[in-house]
Amino acid sequence: MLPAHKTKTRPHLLLANDWIVLQAAHDSASKNLGRSSKSHPYADRLAKQVFRLFNLGHRDIAIIAAIAAQTERARARQSYNMTKVLTLVPLGNARIYRVSGCGQSLDGYH
């Protein structure tokens, strides 16, 4: 089931057909990503993206699902890259570390 979403700008009156579009787009985007639309940890984040696209005026289920899935993949790559960049790597036996990927050392950081 699509999680409830509160917009910060103004409340929208959603009709039954609107909810059908939102639910179908969320389910399709989740399927496109190969994950559960109900139990995945980022199901709510995906739902917010679906709502955002709907509020921008998109009504085509396939377009909403494709853009939402693409955005979610980009967020996952960005999160992976940030984690990768912020990994501390020890330099030899000394208590000197560098942040992986940027060449900077953090003397004495532990």
PDB file of N, CA and C in Angstrom:
ATOM      1  N   MET A   1       0.834  -1.178   0.000  1.00  0.00           N
ATOM      2  CA  MET A   1       0.000   0.000   0.000  1.00  0.00           C
ATOM      3  C   MET A   1       0.875   1.235   0.000  1.00  0.00           C
ATOM      4  N   LEU A   2       0.543   2.200  -0.779  1.00  0.00           N
ATOM      5  CA  LEU A   2       1.281   3.441  -0.900  1.00  0.00           C
ATOM      6  C   LEU A   2       1.187   4.219   0.407  1.00  0.00           C
ATOM      7  N   PRO A   3       2.327   4.628   0.987  1.00  0.00           N
ATOM      8  CA  PRO A   3       2.290   5.369   2.243  1.00  0.00           C
ATOM      9  C   PRO A   3       1.627   6.732   2.059  1.00  0.00           C
ATOM     10  N   ALA A   4       0.980   7.201   3.113  1.00  0.00           N
ATOM     11  CA  ALA A   4       0.365   8.530   3.064  1.00  0.00           C
ATOM     12  C   ALA A   4       1.463   9.574   2.989  1.00  0.00           C
ATOM     13  N   HIS A   5       1.196  10.644   2.287  1.00  0.00           N
ATOM     14  CA  HIS A   5       2.206  11.690   2.114  1.00  0.00           C
ATOM     15  C   HIS A   5       1.567  13.041   2.395  1.00  0.00           C
ATOM     16  N   LYS A   6       2.245  13.841   3.170  1.00  0.00           N
ATOM     17  CA  LYS A   6       1.762  15.182   3.478  1.00  0.00           C
ATOM     18  C   LYS A   6       2.593  16.183   2.695  1.00  0.00           C
ATOM     19  N   THR A   7       1.927  17.008   1.916  1.00  0.00           N
ATOM     20  CA  THR A   7       2.650  18.043   1.191  1.00  0.00           C
ATOM     21  C   THR A   7       2.802  19.252   2.089  1.00  0.00           C
ATOM     22  N   LYS A   8       3.922  19.943   1.947  1.00  0.00           N
ATOM     23  CA  LYS A   8       4.192  21.097   2.779  1.00  0.00           C
ATOM     24  C   LYS A   8       3.601  22.376   2.195  1.00  0.00           C
ATOM     25  N   THR A   9       3.278  22.354   0.927  1.00  0.00           N
ATOM     26  CA  THR A   9       2.803  23.577   0.291  1.00  0.00           C
ATOM     27  C   THR A   9       1.312  23.781   0.528  1.00  0.00           C
ATOM     28  N   ARG A  10       0.503  22.932  -0.009  1.00  0.00           N
ATOM     29  CA  ARG A  10      -0.935  23.067   0.165  1.00  0.00           C
ATOM     30  C   ARG A  10      -1.566  21.688   0.022  1.00  0.00           C
ATOM     31  N   PRO A  11      -2.661  21.443   0.723  1.00  0.00           N
ATOM     32  CA  PRO A  11      -3.298  20.124   0.608  1.00  0.00           C
ATOM     33  C   PRO A  11      -3.966  19.961  -0.758  1.00  0.00           C
ATOM     34  N   HIS A  12      -3.893  18.768  -1.278  1.00  0.00           N
ATOM     35  CA  HIS A  12      -4.523  18.457  -2.557  1.00  0.00           C
ATOM     36  C   HIS A  12      -5.646  17.468  -2.297  1.00  0.00           C
ATOM     37  N   LEU A  13      -6.744  17.679  -2.964  1.00  0.00           N
ATOM     38  CA  LEU A  13      -7.840  16.735  -2.889  1.00  0.00           C
ATOM     39  C   LEU A  13      -7.578  15.668  -3.942  1.00  0.00           C
ATOM     40  N   LEU A  14      -7.341  14.457  -3.507  1.00  0.00           N
ATOM     41  CA  LEU A  14      -7.056  13.372  -4.439  1.00  0.00           C
ATOM     42  C   LEU A  14      -8.306  12.528  -4.640  1.00  0.00           C
ATOM     43  N   LEU A  15      -8.629  12.296  -5.884  1.00  0.00           N
ATOM     44  CA  LEU A  15      -9.765  11.472  -6.239  1.00  0.00           C
ATOM     45  C   LEU A  15      -9.346  10.006  -6.281  1.00  0.00           C
ATOM     46  N   ALA A  16     -10.309   9.128  -6.343  1.00  0.00           N
ATOM     47  CA  ALA A  16     -10.022   7.688  -6.379  1.00  0.00           C
ATOM     48  C   ALA A  16      -9.120   7.339  -7.559  1.00  0.00           C
ATOM     49  N   ASN A  17      -9.368   7.956  -8.709  1.00  0.00           N
ATOM     50  CA  ASN A  17      -8.536   7.693  -9.886  1.00  0.00           C
ATOM     51  C   ASN A  17      -7.098   8.167  -9.675  1.00  0.00           C
ATOM     52  N   ASP A  18      -6.931   9.270  -8.935  1.00  0.00           N
ATOM     53  CA  ASP A  18      -5.580   9.753  -8.630  1.00  0.00           C
ATOM     54  C   ASP A  18      -4.815   8.731  -7.800  1.00  0.00           C
ATOM     55  N   TRP A  19      -5.490   8.174  -6.797  1.00  0.00           N
ATOM     56  CA  TRP A  19      -4.831   7.171  -5.948  1.00  0.00           C
ATOM     57  C   TRP A  19      -4.468   5.928  -6.750  1.00  0.00           C
ATOM     58  N   ILE A  20      -5.297   5.570  -7.716  1.00  0.00           N
ATOM     59  CA  ILE A  20      -4.995   4.416  -8.566  1.00  0.00           C
ATOM     60  C   ILE A  20      -3.719   4.678  -9.364  1.00  0.00           C
ATOM     61  N   VAL A  21      -3.597   5.886  -9.919  1.00  0.00           N
ATOM     62  CA  VAL A  21      -2.389   6.256 -10.670  1.00  0.00           C
ATOM     63  C   VAL A  21      -1.174   6.233  -9.752  1.00  0.00           C
ATOM     64  N   LEU A  22      -1.292   6.844  -8.565  1.00  0.00           N
ATOM     65  CA  LEU A  22      -0.172   6.895  -7.623  1.00  0.00           C
ATOM     66  C   LEU A  22       0.271   5.493  -7.197  1.00  0.00           C
ATOM     67  N   GLN A  23      -0.702   4.657  -6.848  1.00  0.00           N
ATOM     68  CA  GLN A  23      -0.372   3.298  -6.398  1.00  0.00           C
ATOM     69  C   GLN A  23       0.268   2.486  -7.530  1.00  0.00           C
ATOM     70  N   ALA A  24      -0.290   2.586  -8.721  1.00  0.00           N
ATOM     71  CA  ALA A  24       0.256   1.835  -9.852  1.00  0.00           C
ATOM     72  C   ALA A  24       1.667   2.315 -10.194  1.00  0.00           C
ATOM     73  N   ALA A  25       1.893   3.622 -10.139  1.00  0.00           N
ATOM     74  CA  ALA A  25       3.224   4.163 -10.433  1.00  0.00           C
ATOM     75  C   ALA A  25       4.233   3.719  -9.378  1.00  0.00           C
ATOM     76  N   HIS A  26       3.829   3.738  -8.115  1.00  0.00           N
ATOM     77  CA  HIS A  26       4.719   3.294  -7.037  1.00  0.00           C
ATOM     78  C   HIS A  26       5.047   1.810  -7.178  1.00  0.00           C
ATOM     79  N   ASP A  27       4.034   1.009  -7.442  1.00  0.00           N
ATOM     80  CA  ASP A  27       4.251  -0.430  -7.634  1.00  0.00           C
ATOM     81  C   ASP A  27       5.154  -0.703  -8.831  1.00  0.00           C
ATOM     82  N   SER A  28       4.922   0.009  -9.926  1.00  0.00           N
ATOM     83  CA  SER A  28       5.722  -0.181 -11.134  1.00  0.00           C
ATOM     84  C   SER A  28       7.172   0.250 -10.918  1.00  0.00           C
ATOM     85  N   ALA A  29       7.375   1.379 -10.248  1.00  0.00           N
ATOM     86  CA  ALA A  29       8.741   1.839  -9.966  1.00  0.00           C
ATOM     87  C   ALA A  29       9.463   0.852  -9.060  1.00  0.00           C
ATOM     88  N   SER A  30       8.761   0.332  -8.056  1.00  0.00           N
ATOM     89  CA  SER A  30       9.358  -0.659  -7.151  1.00  0.00           C
ATOM     90  C   SER A  30       9.740  -1.921  -7.912  1.00  0.00           C
ATOM     91  N   LYS A  31       8.850  -2.367  -8.796  1.00  0.00           N
ATOM     92  CA  LYS A  31       9.137  -3.559  -9.601  1.00  0.00           C
ATOM     93  C   LYS A  31      10.335  -3.300 -10.519  1.00  0.00           C
ATOM     94  N   ASN A  32      10.389  -2.105 -11.098  1.00  0.00           N
ATOM     95  CA  ASN A  32      11.505  -1.714 -11.956  1.00  0.00           C
ATOM     96  C   ASN A  32      12.831  -1.756 -11.190  1.00  0.00           C
ATOM     97  N   LEU A  33      12.775  -1.404  -9.902  1.00  0.00           N
ATOM     98  CA  LEU A  33      13.970  -1.418  -9.059  1.00  0.00           C
ATOM     99  C   LEU A  33      14.259  -2.799  -8.473  1.00  0.00           C
ATOM    100  N   GLY A  34      13.315  -3.728  -8.645  1.00  0.00           N
ATOM    101  CA  GLY A  34      13.505  -5.087  -8.135  1.00  0.00           C
ATOM    102  C   GLY A  34      13.371  -5.182  -6.630  1.00  0.00           C
ATOM    103  N   ARG A  35      12.443  -4.416  -6.063  1.00  0.00           N
ATOM    104  CA  ARG A  35      12.278  -4.446  -4.613  1.00  0.00           C
ATOM    105  C   ARG A  35      10.809  -4.333  -4.235  1.00  0.00           C
ATOM    106  N   SER A  36      10.508  -4.614  -2.982  1.00  0.00           N
ATOM    107  CA  SER A  36       9.133  -4.590  -2.498  1.00  0.00           C
ATOM    108  C   SER A  36       8.632  -3.161  -2.366  1.00  0.00           C
ATOM    109  N   SER A  37       7.389  -2.962  -2.781  1.00  0.00           N
ATOM    110  CA  SER A  37       6.790  -1.628  -2.653  1.00  0.00           C
ATOM    111  C   SER A  37       6.281  -1.381  -1.236  1.00  0.00           C
ATOM    112  N   LYS A  38       6.274  -2.428  -0.419  1.00  0.00           N
ATOM    113  CA  LYS A  38       5.743  -2.303   0.936  1.00  0.00           C
ATOM    114  C   LYS A  38       6.819  -2.378   2.015  1.00  0.00           C
ATOM    115  N   SER A  39       7.753  -3.288   1.876  1.00  0.00           N
ATOM    116  CA  SER A  39       8.674  -3.549   2.978  1.00  0.00           C
ATOM    117  C   SER A  39      10.095  -3.018   2.776  1.00  0.00           C
ATOM    118  N   HIS A  40      10.410  -2.487   1.621  1.00  0.00           N
ATOM    119  CA  HIS A  40      11.764  -1.980   1.393  1.00  0.00           C
ATOM    120  C   HIS A  40      11.989  -0.738   2.255  1.00  0.00           C
ATOM    121  N   PRO A  41      13.199  -0.590   2.816  1.00  0.00           N
ATOM    122  CA  PRO A  41      13.482   0.565   3.687  1.00  0.00           C
ATOM    123  C   PRO A  41      13.266   1.928   3.021  1.00  0.00           C
ATOM    124  N   TYR A  42      13.403   2.006   1.700  1.00  0.00           N
ATOM    125  CA  TYR A  42      13.245   3.283   1.009  1.00  0.00           C
ATOM    126  C   TYR A  42      11.931   3.385   0.244  1.00  0.00           C
ATOM    127  N   ALA A  43      10.948   2.571   0.621  1.00  0.00           N
ATOM    128  CA  ALA A  43       9.639   2.620  -0.045  1.00  0.00           C
ATOM    129  C   ALA A  43       8.980   3.985   0.144  1.00  0.00           C
ATOM    130  N   ASP A  44       9.124   4.574   1.322  1.00  0.00           N
ATOM    131  CA  ASP A  44       8.538   5.897   1.570  1.00  0.00           C
ATOM    132  C   ASP A  44       9.220   6.968   0.729  1.00  0.00           C
ATOM    133  N   ARG A  45      10.534   6.871   0.601  1.00  0.00           N
ATOM    134  CA  ARG A  45      11.267   7.851  -0.201  1.00  0.00           C
ATOM    135  C   ARG A  45      10.822   7.783  -1.669  1.00  0.00           C
ATOM    136  N   LEU A  46      10.631   6.572  -2.155  1.00  0.00           N
ATOM    137  CA  LEU A  46      10.146   6.390  -3.523  1.00  0.00           C
ATOM    138  C   LEU A  46       8.727   6.948  -3.666  1.00  0.00           C
ATOM    139  N   ALA A  47       7.893   6.721  -2.655  1.00  0.00           N
ATOM    140  CA  ALA A  47       6.523   7.240  -2.691  1.00  0.00           C
ATOM    141  C   ALA A  47       6.520   8.767  -2.744  1.00  0.00           C
ATOM    142  N   LYS A  48       7.409   9.396  -2.001  1.00  0.00           N
ATOM    143  CA  LYS A  48       7.493  10.864  -2.033  1.00  0.00           C
ATOM    144  C   LYS A  48       7.868  11.355  -3.419  1.00  0.00           C
ATOM    145  N   GLN A  49       8.745  10.620  -4.081  1.00  0.00           N
ATOM    146  CA  GLN A  49       9.140  10.991  -5.445  1.00  0.00           C
ATOM    147  C   GLN A  49       7.954  10.836  -6.396  1.00  0.00           C
ATOM    148  N   VAL A  50       7.178   9.776  -6.228  1.00  0.00           N
ATOM    149  CA  VAL A  50       5.991   9.559  -7.053  1.00  0.00           C
ATOM    150  C   VAL A  50       4.992  10.704  -6.830  1.00  0.00           C
ATOM    151  N   PHE A  51       4.768  11.072  -5.566  1.00  0.00           N
ATOM    152  CA  PHE A  51       3.874  12.189  -5.260  1.00  0.00           C
ATOM    153  C   PHE A  51       4.380  13.492  -5.873  1.00  0.00           C
ATOM    154  N   ARG A  52       5.680  13.726  -5.785  1.00  0.00           N
ATOM    155  CA  ARG A  52       6.253  14.955  -6.326  1.00  0.00           C
ATOM    156  C   ARG A  52       5.986  15.051  -7.820  1.00  0.00           C
ATOM    157  N   LEU A  53       6.221  13.950  -8.528  1.00  0.00           N
ATOM    158  CA  LEU A  53       5.988  13.934  -9.971  1.00  0.00           C
ATOM    159  C   LEU A  53       4.509  14.130 -10.297  1.00  0.00           C
ATOM    160  N   PHE A  54       3.655  13.503  -9.500  1.00  0.00           N
ATOM    161  CA  PHE A  54       2.214  13.658  -9.692  1.00  0.00           C
ATOM    162  C   PHE A  54       1.812  15.113  -9.474  1.00  0.00           C
ATOM    163  N   ASN A  55       2.347  15.734  -8.430  1.00  0.00           N
ATOM    164  CA  ASN A  55       2.029  17.136  -8.127  1.00  0.00           C
ATOM    165  C   ASN A  55       2.572  18.094  -9.184  1.00  0.00           C
ATOM    166  N   LEU A  56       3.585  17.656  -9.925  1.00  0.00           N
ATOM    167  CA  LEU A  56       4.102  18.468 -11.030  1.00  0.00           C
ATOM    168  C   LEU A  56       3.229  18.367 -12.279  1.00  0.00           C
ATOM    169  N   GLY A  57       2.233  17.486 -12.230  1.00  0.00           N
ATOM    170  CA  GLY A  57       1.288  17.384 -13.336  1.00  0.00           C
ATOM    171  C   GLY A  57       1.390  16.120 -14.166  1.00  0.00           C
ATOM    172  N   HIS A  58       2.330  15.250 -13.852  1.00  0.00           N
ATOM    173  CA  HIS A  58       2.444  13.993 -14.600  1.00  0.00           C
ATOM    174  C   HIS A  58       1.297  13.069 -14.208  1.00  0.00           C
ATOM    175  N   ARG A  59       0.688  12.434 -15.213  1.00  0.00           N
ATOM    176  CA  ARG A  59      -0.415  11.514 -14.949  1.00  0.00           C
ATOM    177  C   ARG A  59      -0.198  10.153 -15.610  1.00  0.00           C
ATOM    178  N   ASP A  60       0.832  10.020 -16.422  1.00  0.00           N
ATOM    179  CA  ASP A  60       1.121   8.752 -17.090  1.00  0.00           C
ATOM    180  C   ASP A  60       1.891   7.849 -16.119  1.00  0.00           C
ATOM    181  N   ILE A  61       1.327   6.696 -15.814  1.00  0.00           N
ATOM    182  CA  ILE A  61       1.912   5.775 -14.838  1.00  0.00           C
ATOM    183  C   ILE A  61       3.323   5.368 -15.240  1.00  0.00           C
ATOM    184  N   ALA A  62       3.509   5.048 -16.517  1.00  0.00           N
ATOM    185  CA  ALA A  62       4.824   4.592 -16.988  1.00  0.00           C
ATOM    186  C   ALA A  62       5.882   5.688 -16.849  1.00  0.00           C
ATOM    187  N   ILE A  63       5.508   6.914 -17.150  1.00  0.00           N
ATOM    188  CA  ILE A  63       6.467   8.029 -17.056  1.00  0.00           C
ATOM    189  C   ILE A  63       6.818   8.301 -15.598  1.00  0.00           C
ATOM    190  N   ILE A  64       5.809   8.349 -14.729  1.00  0.00           N
ATOM    191  CA  ILE A  64       6.070   8.578 -13.304  1.00  0.00           C
ATOM    192  C   ILE A  64       6.971   7.481 -12.752  1.00  0.00           C
ATOM    193  N   ALA A  65       6.649   6.228 -13.069  1.00  0.00           N
ATOM    194  CA  ALA A  65       7.429   5.092 -12.557  1.00  0.00           C
ATOM    195  C   ALA A  65       8.864   5.131 -13.063  1.00  0.00           C
ATOM    196  N   ALA A  66       9.046   5.432 -14.330  1.00  0.00           N
ATOM    197  CA  ALA A  66      10.396   5.460 -14.909  1.00  0.00           C
ATOM    198  C   ALA A  66      11.248   6.560 -14.288  1.00  0.00           C
ATOM    199  N   ILE A  67      10.680   7.756 -14.148  1.00  0.00           N
ATOM    200  CA  ILE A  67      11.442   8.868 -13.575  1.00  0.00           C
ATOM    201  C   ILE A  67      11.736   8.613 -12.102  1.00  0.00           C
ATOM    202  N   ALA A  68      10.757   8.116 -11.365  1.00  0.00           N
ATOM    203  CA  ALA A  68      10.952   7.825  -9.941  1.00  0.00           C
ATOM    204  C   ALA A  68      12.032   6.760  -9.737  1.00  0.00           C
ATOM    205  N   ALA A  69      12.003   5.710 -10.548  1.00  0.00           N
ATOM    206  CA  ALA A  69      13.015   4.658 -10.440  1.00  0.00           C
ATOM    207  C   ALA A  69      14.398   5.183 -10.808  1.00  0.00           C
ATOM    208  N   GLN A  70      14.460   5.999 -11.849  1.00  0.00           N
ATOM    209  CA  GLN A  70      15.742   6.580 -12.263  1.00  0.00           C
ATOM    210  C   GLN A  70      16.299   7.489 -11.167  1.00  0.00           C
ATOM    211  N   THR A  71      15.453   8.277 -10.553  1.00  0.00           N
ATOM    212  CA  THR A  71      15.883   9.159  -9.463  1.00  0.00           C
ATOM    213  C   THR A  71      16.373   8.345  -8.274  1.00  0.00           C
ATOM    214  N   GLU A  72      15.667   7.275  -7.965  1.00  0.00           N
ATOM    215  CA  GLU A  72      16.062   6.417  -6.842  1.00  0.00           C
ATOM    216  C   GLU A  72      17.411   5.742  -7.110  1.00  0.00           C
ATOM    217  N   ARG A  73      17.639   5.319  -8.336  1.00  0.00           N
ATOM    218  CA  ARG A  73      18.951   4.731  -8.675  1.00  0.00           C
ATOM    219  C   ARG A  73      20.063   5.763  -8.525  1.00  0.00           C
ATOM    220  N   ALA A  74      19.800   6.993  -8.961  1.00  0.00           N
ATOM    221  CA  ALA A  74      20.800   8.058  -8.834  1.00  0.00           C
ATOM    222  C   ALA A  74      21.097   8.339  -7.368  1.00  0.00           C
ATOM    223  N   ARG A  75      20.069   8.341  -6.529  1.00  0.00           N
ATOM    224  CA  ARG A  75      20.283   8.545  -5.088  1.00  0.00           C
ATOM    225  C   ARG A  75      21.104   7.413  -4.499  1.00  0.00           C
ATOM    226  N   ALA A  76      20.832   6.197  -4.916  1.00  0.00           N
ATOM    227  CA  ALA A  76      21.590   5.052  -4.406  1.00  0.00           C
ATOM    228  C   ALA A  76      23.052   5.139  -4.821  1.00  0.00           C
ATOM    229  N   ARG A  77      23.310   5.529  -6.089  1.00  0.00           N
ATOM    230  CA  ARG A  77      24.705   5.692  -6.546  1.00  0.00           C
ATOM    231  C   ARG A  77      25.398   6.799  -5.771  1.00  0.00           C
ATOM    232  N   GLN A  78      24.705   7.904  -5.549  1.00  0.00           N
ATOM    233  CA  GLN A  78      25.283   9.028  -4.825  1.00  0.00           C
ATOM    234  C   GLN A  78      25.591   8.614  -3.392  1.00  0.00           C
ATOM    235  N   SER A  79      24.689   7.899  -2.766  1.00  0.00           N
ATOM    236  CA  SER A  79      24.901   7.437  -1.395  1.00  0.00           C
ATOM    237  C   SER A  79      26.088   6.482  -1.342  1.00  0.00           C
ATOM    238  N   TYR A  80      26.195   5.577  -2.322  1.00  0.00           N
ATOM    239  CA  TYR A  80      27.323   4.649  -2.380  1.00  0.00           C
ATOM    240  C   TYR A  80      28.629   5.407  -2.559  1.00  0.00           C
ATOM    241  N   ASN A  81      28.636   6.381  -3.462  1.00  0.00           N
ATOM    242  CA  ASN A  81      29.859   7.148  -3.711  1.00  0.00           C
ATOM    243  C   ASN A  81      30.266   7.950  -2.487  1.00  0.00           C
ATOM    244  N   MET A  82      29.314   8.517  -1.760  1.00  0.00           N
ATOM    245  CA  MET A  82      29.644   9.266  -0.551  1.00  0.00           C
ATOM    246  C   MET A  82      30.217   8.341   0.511  1.00  0.00           C
ATOM    247  N   THR A  83      29.638   7.162   0.665  1.00  0.00           N
ATOM    248  CA  THR A  83      30.151   6.199   1.627  1.00  0.00           C
ATOM    249  C   THR A  83      31.559   5.786   1.243  1.00  0.00           C
ATOM    250  N   LYS A  84      31.767   5.565  -0.048  1.00  0.00           N
ATOM    251  CA  LYS A  84      33.073   5.166  -0.546  1.00  0.00           C
ATOM    252  C   LYS A  84      34.101   6.277  -0.308  1.00  0.00           C
ATOM    253  N   VAL A  85      33.731   7.518  -0.555  1.00  0.00           N
ATOM    254  CA  VAL A  85      34.640   8.644  -0.384  1.00  0.00           C
ATOM    255  C   VAL A  85      34.981   8.848   1.084  1.00  0.00           C
ATOM    256  N   LEU A  86      34.048   8.617   1.979  1.00  0.00           N
ATOM    257  CA  LEU A  86      34.257   8.905   3.380  1.00  0.00           C
ATOM    258  C   LEU A  86      34.843   7.737   4.161  1.00  0.00           C
ATOM    259  N   THR A  87      35.327   6.727   3.487  1.00  0.00           N
ATOM    260  CA  THR A  87      35.942   5.591   4.149  1.00  0.00           C
ATOM    261  C   THR A  87      37.349   5.965   4.599  1.00  0.00           C
ATOM    262  N   LEU A  88      37.640   5.718   5.864  1.00  0.00           N
ATOM    263  CA  LEU A  88      38.980   5.994   6.386  1.00  0.00           C
ATOM    264  C   LEU A  88      39.886   4.804   6.126  1.00  0.00           C
ATOM    265  N   VAL A  89      41.047   5.073   5.578  1.00  0.00           N
ATOM    266  CA  VAL A  89      42.009   4.032   5.242  1.00  0.00           C
ATOM    267  C   VAL A  89      43.303   4.317   6.009  1.00  0.00           C
ATOM    268  N   PRO A  90      43.779   3.356   6.836  1.00  0.00           N
ATOM    269  CA  PRO A  90      45.015   3.594   7.587  1.00  0.00           C
ATOM    270  C   PRO A  90      46.221   3.609   6.651  1.00  0.00           C
ATOM    271  N   LEU A  91      47.176   4.461   6.969  1.00  0.00           N
ATOM    272  CA  LEU A  91      48.430   4.541   6.219  1.00  0.00           C
ATOM    273  C   LEU A  91      49.529   3.867   7.048  1.00  0.00           C
ATOM    274  N   GLY A  92      49.872   2.656   6.691  1.00  0.00           N
ATOM    275  CA  GLY A  92      50.923   1.922   7.396  1.00  0.00           C
ATOM    276  C   GLY A  92      50.516   1.609   8.831  1.00  0.00           C
ATOM    277  N   ASN A  93      51.530   1.541   9.722  1.00  0.00           N
ATOM    278  CA  ASN A  93      51.287   1.203  11.118  1.00  0.00           C
ATOM    279  C   ASN A  93      50.997   2.433  11.970  1.00  0.00           C
ATOM    280  N   ALA A  94      51.259   3.615  11.461  1.00  0.00           N
ATOM    281  CA  ALA A  94      51.044   4.837  12.227  1.00  0.00           C
ATOM    282  C   ALA A  94      49.547   5.129  12.350  1.00  0.00           C
ATOM    283  N   ARG A  95      49.214   5.978  13.286  1.00  0.00           N
ATOM    284  CA  ARG A  95      47.814   6.354  13.464  1.00  0.00           C
ATOM    285  C   ARG A  95      47.489   7.546  12.571  1.00  0.00           C
ATOM    286  N   ILE A  96      47.753   7.372  11.296  1.00  0.00           N
ATOM    287  CA  ILE A  96      47.447   8.382  10.290  1.00  0.00           C
ATOM    288  C   ILE A  96      46.492   7.747   9.301  1.00  0.00           C
ATOM    289  N   TYR A  97      45.447   8.458   9.001  1.00  0.00           N
ATOM    290  CA  TYR A  97      44.423   7.954   8.101  1.00  0.00           C
ATOM    291  C   TYR A  97      44.235   8.924   6.948  1.00  0.00           C
ATOM    292  N   ARG A  98      43.735   8.408   5.883  1.00  0.00           N
ATOM    293  CA  ARG A  98      43.338   9.263   4.782  1.00  0.00           C
ATOM    294  C   ARG A  98      41.919   8.888   4.396  1.00  0.00           C
ATOM    295  N   VAL A  99      41.227   9.843   3.831  1.00  0.00           N
ATOM    296  CA  VAL A  99      39.871   9.586   3.360  1.00  0.00           C
ATOM    297  C   VAL A  99      39.998   8.997   1.965  1.00  0.00           C
ATOM    298  N   SER A 100      39.451   7.816   1.786  1.00  0.00           N
ATOM    299  CA  SER A 100      39.566   7.103   0.523  1.00  0.00           C
ATOM    300  C   SER A 100      39.036   7.934  -0.623  1.00  0.00           C
ATOM    301  N   GLY A 101      39.831   8.050  -1.682  1.00  0.00           N
ATOM    302  CA  GLY A 101      39.387   8.701  -2.899  1.00  0.00           C
ATOM    303  C   GLY A 101      39.778  10.152  -3.042  1.00  0.00           C
ATOM    304  N   CYS A 102      40.253  10.789  -1.952  1.00  0.00           N
ATOM    305  CA  CYS A 102      40.580  12.208  -2.096  1.00  0.00           C
ATOM    306  C   CYS A 102      42.032  12.505  -1.756  1.00  0.00           C
ATOM    307  N   GLY A 103      42.775  11.534  -1.185  1.00  0.00           N
ATOM    308  CA  GLY A 103      44.200  11.728  -0.921  1.00  0.00           C
ATOM    309  C   GLY A 103      44.517  12.576   0.286  1.00  0.00           C
ATOM    310  N   GLN A 104      43.537  13.029   1.040  1.00  0.00           N
ATOM    311  CA  GLN A 104      43.809  13.844   2.212  1.00  0.00           C
ATOM    312  C   GLN A 104      44.066  12.953   3.418  1.00  0.00           C
ATOM    313  N   SER A 105      44.986  13.384   4.302  1.00  0.00           N
ATOM    314  CA  SER A 105      45.228  12.621   5.515  1.00  0.00           C
ATOM    315  C   SER A 105      44.601  13.332   6.702  1.00  0.00           C
ATOM    316  N   LEU A 106      44.217  12.536   7.678  1.00  0.00           N
ATOM    317  CA  LEU A 106      43.679  13.066   8.925  1.00  0.00           C
ATOM    318  C   LEU A 106      44.622  12.631  10.032  1.00  0.00           C
ATOM    319  N   ASP A 107      45.664  13.404  10.275  1.00  0.00           N
ATOM    320  CA  ASP A 107      46.700  13.032  11.241  1.00  0.00           C
ATOM    321  C   ASP A 107      46.085  12.784  12.623  1.00  0.00           C
ATOM    322  N   GLY A 108      46.356  11.597  13.148  1.00  0.00           N
ATOM    323  CA  GLY A 108      45.907  11.243  14.499  1.00  0.00           C
ATOM    324  C   GLY A 108      44.430  10.963  14.650  1.00  0.00           C
ATOM    325  N   TYR A 109      43.694  10.962  13.569  1.00  0.00           N
ATOM    326  CA  TYR A 109      42.254  10.703  13.656  1.00  0.00           C
ATOM    327  C   TYR A 109      42.019   9.232  13.928  1.00  0.00           C
ATOM    328  N   HIS A 110      41.306   8.932  14.989  1.00  0.00           N
ATOM    329  CA  HIS A 110      40.983   7.543  15.310  1.00  0.00           C
ATOM    330  C   HIS A 110      39.742   7.460  16.161  1.00  0.00           C
TER     331      HIS A 110
END
